[in-house]
Amino acid sequence: MMKAKSFLLGLIAGGAAASISALLTAPASGKETRTVIHTNKNIVKHQLDHVKEQLLDIKRATTTVTKEGKVAFAAMSKDLKGSVNDWKNEIRPHEQNLKREIQEIETAIQELETTLNQGKNSN
């Protein structure tokens, strides 16, 4: 968007510079020069008004997109939090079973180590 703004302003500035250059180098009477200046002034004013309106449209569009993005992000965040909470609630009953099974496995490993160590000591 900034590139479009810079381009439009450059286009207008270039047009104004070309108009002034043409006025200063063209042989014309004072009345003709004033008429050309007045005409070019109106053209440049119209172009500037058009650029201003386009920039306002860009600003409005940017504001709209920003607001819509915030709403969409808030909705997505809420959905994500809900999904995480649902997942936590789903595994909560299994959490105790997993802890118990891990404890049983650790106990079995300790018993196996004890049995293996006793077998080594008896040899």
C-alpha atoms as a PDB file:
ATOM      1  CA  MET A   1       0.000   0.000   0.000  1.00  0.00           C
ATOM      2  CA  MET A   2       2.865   2.319   0.764  1.00  0.00           C
ATOM      3  CA  LYS A   3       4.338   1.547  -2.679  1.00  0.00           C
ATOM      4  CA  ALA A   4       1.088   2.606  -4.351  1.00  0.00           C
ATOM      5  CA  LYS A   5       1.022   5.810  -2.298  1.00  0.00           C
ATOM      6  CA  SER A   6       4.641   6.601  -3.148  1.00  0.00           C
ATOM      7  CA  PHE A   7       4.037   5.836  -6.806  1.00  0.00           C
ATOM      8  CA  LEU A   8       0.966   8.073  -6.995  1.00  0.00           C
ATOM      9  CA  LEU A   9       2.698  10.936  -5.216  1.00  0.00           C
ATOM     10  CA  GLY A  10       5.718  10.529  -7.490  1.00  0.00           C
ATOM     11  CA  LEU A  11       3.471  10.533 -10.533  1.00  0.00           C
ATOM     12  CA  ILE A  12       1.779  13.736  -9.447  1.00  0.00           C
ATOM     13  CA  ALA A  13       5.056  15.422  -8.502  1.00  0.00           C
ATOM     14  CA  GLY A  14       6.563  14.382 -11.834  1.00  0.00           C
ATOM     15  CA  GLY A  15       3.547  15.721 -13.700  1.00  0.00           C
ATOM     16  CA  ALA A  16       3.720  19.013 -11.851  1.00  0.00           C
ATOM     17  CA  ALA A  17       7.455  19.329 -12.501  1.00  0.00           C
ATOM     18  CA  ALA A  18       6.966  18.587 -16.194  1.00  0.00           C
ATOM     19  CA  SER A  19       4.177  21.161 -16.414  1.00  0.00           C
ATOM     20  CA  ILE A  20       6.271  23.849 -14.748  1.00  0.00           C
ATOM     21  CA  SER A  21       9.229  23.029 -16.947  1.00  0.00           C
ATOM     22  CA  ALA A  22       7.076  23.240 -20.068  1.00  0.00           C
ATOM     23  CA  LEU A  23       5.668  26.585 -18.948  1.00  0.00           C
ATOM     24  CA  LEU A  24       9.043  28.077 -18.268  1.00  0.00           C
ATOM     25  CA  THR A  25      10.601  26.963 -21.548  1.00  0.00           C
ATOM     26  CA  ALA A  26       7.679  27.543 -23.942  1.00  0.00           C
ATOM     27  CA  PRO A  27       7.426  30.919 -25.635  1.00  0.00           C
ATOM     28  CA  ALA A  28       4.018  32.299 -24.727  1.00  0.00           C
ATOM     29  CA  SER A  29       2.462  35.555 -23.739  1.00  0.00           C
ATOM     30  CA  GLY A  30       1.755  36.367 -20.116  1.00  0.00           C
ATOM     31  CA  LYS A  31      -1.979  35.833 -20.607  1.00  0.00           C
ATOM     32  CA  GLU A  32      -1.426  32.437 -22.277  1.00  0.00           C
ATOM     33  CA  THR A  33       1.010  31.412 -19.550  1.00  0.00           C
ATOM     34  CA  ARG A  34      -1.486  32.381 -16.823  1.00  0.00           C
ATOM     35  CA  THR A  35      -4.203  30.381 -18.592  1.00  0.00           C
ATOM     36  CA  VAL A  36      -1.956  27.329 -18.850  1.00  0.00           C
ATOM     37  CA  ILE A  37      -0.914  27.686 -15.207  1.00  0.00           C
ATOM     38  CA  HIS A  38      -4.543  27.973 -14.134  1.00  0.00           C
ATOM     39  CA  THR A  39      -5.510  24.917 -16.220  1.00  0.00           C
ATOM     40  CA  ASN A  40      -2.571  22.880 -14.902  1.00  0.00           C
ATOM     41  CA  LYS A  41      -3.321  23.992 -11.352  1.00  0.00           C
ATOM     42  CA  ASN A  42      -6.852  22.645 -11.692  1.00  0.00           C
ATOM     43  CA  ILE A  43      -5.579  19.376 -13.180  1.00  0.00           C
ATOM     44  CA  VAL A  44      -3.031  18.914 -10.370  1.00  0.00           C
ATOM     45  CA  LYS A  45      -5.667  19.831  -7.745  1.00  0.00           C
ATOM     46  CA  HIS A  46      -8.025  17.254  -9.248  1.00  0.00           C
ATOM     47  CA  GLN A  47      -5.260  14.622  -9.250  1.00  0.00           C
ATOM     48  CA  LEU A  48      -4.389  15.413  -5.625  1.00  0.00           C
ATOM     49  CA  ASP A  49      -8.058  15.149  -4.628  1.00  0.00           C
ATOM     50  CA  HIS A  50      -8.236  11.789  -6.397  1.00  0.00           C
ATOM     51  CA  VAL A  51      -5.087  10.535  -4.634  1.00  0.00           C
ATOM     52  CA  LYS A  52      -6.440  11.781  -1.307  1.00  0.00           C
ATOM     53  CA  GLU A  53      -9.686   9.838  -1.874  1.00  0.00           C
ATOM     54  CA  GLN A  54      -7.720   6.707  -2.817  1.00  0.00           C
ATOM     55  CA  LEU A  55      -5.584   7.024   0.317  1.00  0.00           C
ATOM     56  CA  LEU A  56      -8.725   7.388   2.427  1.00  0.00           C
ATOM     57  CA  ASP A  57     -10.119   4.241   0.767  1.00  0.00           C
ATOM     58  CA  ILE A  58      -6.883   2.413   1.588  1.00  0.00           C
ATOM     59  CA  LYS A  59      -7.057   3.657   5.181  1.00  0.00           C
ATOM     60  CA  ARG A  60     -10.683   2.496   5.520  1.00  0.00           C
ATOM     61  CA  ALA A  61      -9.846  -0.876   3.997  1.00  0.00           C
ATOM     62  CA  THR A  62      -6.865  -1.294   6.319  1.00  0.00           C
ATOM     63  CA  THR A  63      -8.998  -0.423   9.334  1.00  0.00           C
ATOM     64  CA  THR A  64     -11.667  -2.909   8.258  1.00  0.00           C
ATOM     65  CA  VAL A  65      -9.115  -5.677   7.686  1.00  0.00           C
ATOM     66  CA  THR A  66      -7.499  -4.971  11.059  1.00  0.00           C
ATOM     67  CA  LYS A  67     -10.837  -5.146  12.870  1.00  0.00           C
ATOM     68  CA  GLU A  68     -11.860  -8.318  11.029  1.00  0.00           C
ATOM     69  CA  GLY A  69      -8.455  -9.846  11.777  1.00  0.00           C
ATOM     70  CA  LYS A  70      -8.835  -9.106  15.479  1.00  0.00           C
ATOM     71  CA  VAL A  71     -12.297 -10.668  15.548  1.00  0.00           C
ATOM     72  CA  ALA A  72     -11.101 -13.734  13.636  1.00  0.00           C
ATOM     73  CA  PHE A  73      -8.050 -14.103  15.896  1.00  0.00           C
ATOM     74  CA  ALA A  74     -10.186 -13.796  19.031  1.00  0.00           C
ATOM     75  CA  ALA A  75     -12.590 -16.447  17.725  1.00  0.00           C
ATOM     76  CA  MET A  76      -9.728 -18.766  16.760  1.00  0.00           C
ATOM     77  CA  SER A  77      -8.072 -18.257  20.150  1.00  0.00           C
ATOM     78  CA  LYS A  78     -11.324 -19.008  21.949  1.00  0.00           C
ATOM     79  CA  ASP A  79     -11.849 -22.154  19.868  1.00  0.00           C
ATOM     80  CA  LEU A  80      -8.289 -23.283  20.500  1.00  0.00           C
ATOM     81  CA  LYS A  81      -8.609 -22.748  24.260  1.00  0.00           C
ATOM     82  CA  GLY A  82     -11.874 -24.684  24.206  1.00  0.00           C
ATOM     83  CA  SER A  83     -10.231 -27.554  22.331  1.00  0.00           C
ATOM     84  CA  VAL A  84      -7.322 -27.693  24.784  1.00  0.00           C
ATOM     85  CA  ASN A  85      -9.715 -27.707  27.752  1.00  0.00           C
ATOM     86  CA  ASP A  86     -11.817 -30.445  26.137  1.00  0.00           C
ATOM     87  CA  TRP A  87      -8.673 -32.504  25.542  1.00  0.00           C
ATOM     88  CA  LYS A  88      -7.564 -32.040  29.162  1.00  0.00           C
ATOM     89  CA  ASN A  89     -10.985 -33.117  30.386  1.00  0.00           C
ATOM     90  CA  GLU A  90     -10.916 -36.175  28.129  1.00  0.00           C
ATOM     91  CA  ILE A  91      -7.550 -37.436  29.390  1.00  0.00           C
ATOM     92  CA  ARG A  92      -8.068 -36.553  33.043  1.00  0.00           C
ATOM     93  CA  PRO A  93      -9.804 -39.887  33.849  1.00  0.00           C
ATOM     94  CA  HIS A  94      -7.021 -41.795  32.080  1.00  0.00           C
ATOM     95  CA  GLU A  95      -4.287 -39.822  33.839  1.00  0.00           C
ATOM     96  CA  GLN A  96      -4.718 -41.731  37.111  1.00  0.00           C
ATOM     97  CA  ASN A  97      -4.700 -45.065  35.270  1.00  0.00           C
ATOM     98  CA  LEU A  98      -1.506 -44.113  33.446  1.00  0.00           C
ATOM     99  CA  LYS A  99       0.185 -43.057  36.694  1.00  0.00           C
ATOM    100  CA  ARG A 100      -0.859 -46.328  38.336  1.00  0.00           C
ATOM    101  CA  GLU A 101       0.398 -48.390  35.387  1.00  0.00           C
ATOM    102  CA  ILE A 102       3.723 -46.517  35.358  1.00  0.00           C
ATOM    103  CA  GLN A 103       4.095 -47.177  39.094  1.00  0.00           C
ATOM    104  CA  GLU A 104       3.384 -50.878  38.536  1.00  0.00           C
ATOM    105  CA  ILE A 105       5.985 -51.030  35.751  1.00  0.00           C
ATOM    106  CA  GLU A 106       8.576 -49.310  37.978  1.00  0.00           C
ATOM    107  CA  THR A 107       7.809 -51.756  40.788  1.00  0.00           C
ATOM    108  CA  ALA A 108       8.133 -54.710  38.394  1.00  0.00           C
ATOM    109  CA  ILE A 109      11.502 -53.396  37.164  1.00  0.00           C
ATOM    110  CA  GLN A 110      12.742 -53.005  40.740  1.00  0.00           C
ATOM    111  CA  GLU A 111      11.624 -56.547  41.583  1.00  0.00           C
ATOM    112  CA  LEU A 112      13.321 -57.869  38.456  1.00  0.00           C
ATOM    113  CA  GLU A 113      16.550 -56.038  39.358  1.00  0.00           C
ATOM    114  CA  THR A 114      16.382 -57.414  42.885  1.00  0.00           C
ATOM    115  CA  THR A 115      15.851 -60.950  41.557  1.00  0.00           C
ATOM    116  CA  LEU A 116      18.740 -60.580  39.085  1.00  0.00           C
ATOM    117  CA  ASN A 117      21.038 -59.204  41.780  1.00  0.00           C
ATOM    118  CA  GLN A 118      20.168 -62.075  44.132  1.00  0.00           C
ATOM    119  CA  GLY A 119      20.911 -64.548  41.349  1.00  0.00           C
ATOM    120  CA  LYS A 120      24.354 -62.982  40.813  1.00  0.00           C
ATOM    121  CA  ASN A 121      25.154 -63.022  44.525  1.00  0.00           C
ATOM    122  CA  SER A 122      24.273 -66.674  44.884  1.00  0.00           C
ATOM    123  CA  ASN A 123      26.688 -67.692  42.141  1.00  0.00           C
END
